[in-house]
Protein backbone atom coordinates (compact mmCIF):
# COMPACT_ATOMS: atom_id res chain seq x y z
CA MET A 1 -66.77 -58.18 60.11
CA LYS A 2 -70.35 -57.87 61.38
CA GLN A 3 -69.29 -55.68 64.28
CA ILE A 4 -67.35 -53.32 62.00
CA LEU A 5 -70.25 -53.13 59.53
CA ALA A 6 -72.78 -52.58 62.33
CA GLY A 7 -70.57 -49.87 63.84
CA GLU A 8 -70.32 -48.04 60.52
CA ALA A 9 -74.08 -48.32 60.01
CA GLN A 10 -74.76 -47.02 63.51
CA ALA A 11 -72.45 -44.05 62.90
CA LYS A 12 -74.49 -43.25 59.77
CA GLY A 13 -77.76 -43.34 61.74
CA ILE A 14 -79.23 -46.75 60.99
CA CYS A 15 -82.28 -47.66 63.07
CA LYS A 16 -82.03 -50.10 65.99
CA GLU A 17 -83.97 -52.84 64.18
CA TRP A 18 -81.58 -52.92 61.20
CA HIS A 19 -78.54 -52.58 63.46
CA GLU A 20 -79.66 -55.75 65.23
CA LYS A 21 -80.29 -57.48 61.89
CA ILE A 22 -76.68 -56.80 60.88
CA LEU A 23 -75.34 -58.08 64.19
CA SER A 24 -77.42 -61.27 64.02
CA ALA A 25 -76.69 -62.08 60.36
CA PRO A 26 -75.29 -65.64 60.20
CA SER A 27 -73.18 -65.14 57.06
CA LYS A 28 -71.81 -62.73 54.48
CA GLU A 29 -74.55 -63.92 52.14
CA HIS A 30 -77.19 -62.85 54.64
CA LEU A 31 -75.49 -59.46 55.02
CA LEU A 32 -75.63 -59.01 51.24
CA THR A 33 -79.34 -59.89 51.25
CA LEU A 34 -79.82 -57.18 53.88
CA ALA A 35 -77.81 -54.76 51.70
CA VAL A 36 -80.17 -55.30 48.76
CA LYS A 37 -83.28 -54.93 50.95
CA GLY A 38 -81.87 -51.84 52.66
CA SER A 39 -80.27 -50.26 49.61
CA ASP A 40 -82.03 -46.95 50.28
CA PHE A 41 -79.99 -46.57 53.48
CA TRP A 42 -76.56 -47.51 52.22
CA LEU A 43 -76.91 -45.71 48.91
CA GLY A 44 -78.07 -42.53 50.64
CA ASN A 45 -75.32 -42.60 53.26
CA ALA A 46 -72.16 -43.49 51.30
CA PHE A 47 -72.06 -46.72 53.27
CA ALA A 48 -69.93 -48.91 53.68
CA SER A 49 -66.25 -48.08 53.81
CA PRO A 50 -63.91 -49.30 51.04
CA GLU A 51 -62.34 -51.74 53.51
CA VAL A 52 -65.71 -53.35 54.27
CA ARG A 53 -66.68 -53.37 50.58
CA ALA A 54 -63.47 -55.27 49.79
CA GLU A 55 -64.51 -58.06 52.18
CA PHE A 56 -67.46 -58.85 49.88
CA ALA A 57 -65.59 -58.79 46.55
CA GLY A 58 -66.37 -61.80 44.41
CA LEU A 59 -69.53 -62.58 46.38
CA ARG A 60 -71.61 -59.39 46.07
CA GLN A 61 -72.00 -59.76 42.30
CA HIS A 62 -74.10 -62.91 42.90
CA PHE A 63 -76.52 -60.66 44.79
CA GLY A 64 -76.66 -58.07 41.99
CA ILE A 65 -74.34 -55.53 43.61
CA TYR A 66 -71.62 -54.17 41.32
CA LEU A 67 -69.00 -51.67 42.53
CA ASP A 68 -65.79 -50.04 41.44
CA ASP A 69 -64.74 -51.40 38.02
CA ASP A 70 -66.88 -54.57 38.02
CA ARG A 71 -68.11 -55.88 34.68
CA ILE A 72 -71.87 -56.56 34.57
CA ALA A 73 -73.23 -59.51 32.58
CA ALA A 74 -76.65 -60.26 34.05
CA LYS A 75 -79.62 -62.31 32.85
CA SER A 76 -82.94 -61.59 34.58
CA PRO A 77 -81.65 -60.29 37.91
CA ARG A 78 -84.42 -59.39 40.35
CA SER A 79 -82.26 -56.54 41.64
CA LEU A 80 -79.17 -54.94 40.11
CA ILE A 81 -77.27 -52.13 41.81
CA ALA A 82 -74.47 -50.56 39.73
CA LEU A 83 -72.16 -48.02 41.34
CA ASP A 84 -68.88 -46.30 40.62
CA ARG A 85 -67.44 -47.11 37.17
CA THR A 86 -69.23 -50.41 36.53
CA GLU A 87 -70.14 -51.24 32.95
CA GLY A 88 -71.98 -54.02 31.18
CA TYR A 89 -75.40 -55.31 30.25
CA ALA A 90 -78.58 -56.77 31.71
CA GLU A 91 -81.21 -58.78 29.83
CA TYR A 92 -84.83 -59.40 30.78
CA GLY A 93 -87.45 -61.46 28.94
CA ASN A 94 -90.62 -63.52 29.23
CA PHE A 95 -92.37 -62.53 32.47
CA ASP A 96 -89.28 -61.26 34.33
CA VAL A 97 -89.66 -58.49 36.89
CA GLY A 98 -86.65 -56.49 38.03
CA GLN A 99 -85.21 -53.29 39.40
CA ILE A 100 -81.98 -51.56 38.39
CA ILE A 101 -80.29 -48.73 40.27
CA ALA A 102 -77.46 -47.00 38.36
CA ARG A 103 -75.32 -44.41 40.16
CA ASN A 104 -72.03 -42.57 39.90
CA GLU A 105 -70.47 -43.26 36.48
CA ALA A 106 -72.12 -46.66 35.87
CA ARG A 107 -73.02 -47.55 32.27
CA ILE A 108 -75.53 -50.30 31.50
CA ASP A 109 -77.04 -51.59 28.27
CA ILE A 110 -80.47 -53.03 29.06
CA THR A 111 -82.52 -55.28 26.79
CA VAL A 112 -86.13 -56.03 27.76
CA ASN A 113 -88.56 -58.16 25.78
CA GLY A 114 -91.58 -60.42 26.16
CA ARG A 115 -93.87 -59.32 28.95
CA ALA A 116 -91.08 -58.30 31.31
CA PHE A 117 -91.47 -55.36 33.68
CA LEU A 118 -88.50 -53.29 34.81
CA LEU A 119 -88.02 -50.28 37.09
CA VAL A 120 -84.82 -48.31 36.42
CA GLU A 121 -83.48 -45.53 38.65
CA VAL A 122 -80.68 -43.38 37.23
CA ARG A 123 -78.66 -40.98 39.41
CA ASP A 124 -75.51 -38.89 39.34
CA HIS A 125 -73.67 -39.30 36.01
CA ALA A 126 -74.81 -42.86 35.28
CA GLU A 127 -75.95 -43.79 31.78
CA VAL A 128 -78.40 -46.45 30.66
CA ASP A 129 -79.29 -47.53 27.15
CA ILE A 130 -82.61 -49.38 26.99
CA THR A 131 -83.93 -51.45 24.09
CA ALA A 132 -87.45 -52.80 24.57
CA SER A 133 -89.65 -55.02 22.42
CA GLY A 134 -92.71 -57.24 22.63
CA ASP A 135 -95.05 -56.20 25.42
CA ALA A 136 -92.26 -55.10 27.77
CA ARG A 137 -92.97 -52.31 30.25
CA ILE A 138 -90.17 -50.16 31.61
CA SER A 139 -90.41 -47.27 34.04
CA VAL A 140 -87.35 -45.02 34.29
CA ILE A 141 -86.85 -42.42 37.01
CA LEU A 142 -84.12 -39.91 36.20
CA HIS A 143 -82.59 -38.17 39.21
CA GLY A 144 -79.51 -37.44 37.13
CA GLY A 145 -77.50 -39.12 34.42
CA LYS A 146 -78.75 -40.05 30.97
CA CYS A 147 -81.18 -42.53 29.47
CA ARG A 148 -81.25 -43.47 25.80
CA HIS A 149 -84.17 -45.67 24.82
CA ARG A 150 -85.79 -47.42 21.89
CA ALA A 151 -89.09 -49.30 21.91
CA THR A 152 -90.57 -51.48 19.18
CA ASP A 153 -93.71 -53.62 18.90
CA ARG A 154 -96.01 -52.81 21.82
CA ALA A 155 -93.25 -52.10 24.33
CA ASN A 156 -93.68 -49.05 26.55
CA ILE A 157 -90.92 -47.02 28.18
CA LYS A 158 -92.10 -44.34 30.60
CA ILE A 159 -89.53 -41.71 31.59
CA THR A 160 -90.07 -39.61 34.73
CA ASP A 161 -87.55 -36.78 34.87
CA LYS A 162 -86.90 -35.61 38.44
CA ARG A 163 -83.68 -33.79 37.70
CA ASP A 164 -83.55 -30.21 38.95
């Protein structure tokens, strides 16, 4: 599996350092950790193939990676990546810190309260619905898609629209 994944990554132009990291990964779990850390590469390069993605089904959700028709039900994930037609919700509270990337046709309901901080990136035709309360701070970057939001108490939702 590692050799196939490394070959696909190399064909997409991955740097030598990350190519070696893939080849030396001791487990699928470690490969998924690399996927989260290197999400900018694989999200920007339509990586990996459906065959390779299938090898990680059932395990990738534990690392916050949701694909195809996965159902999201997440509490305080540090990182959540939602692609394809995934749907569901994510909740953050207290002093949680997290990042959500929503792409393709993903739809996520997000609840943030307490003193939580969240960065949300929305692309393509993805949709997020954010409800914030308490002293929560949310920063949303729109490269596409839609963001509905409501803030109460002292919560702050900052929207940066980078759509063309």
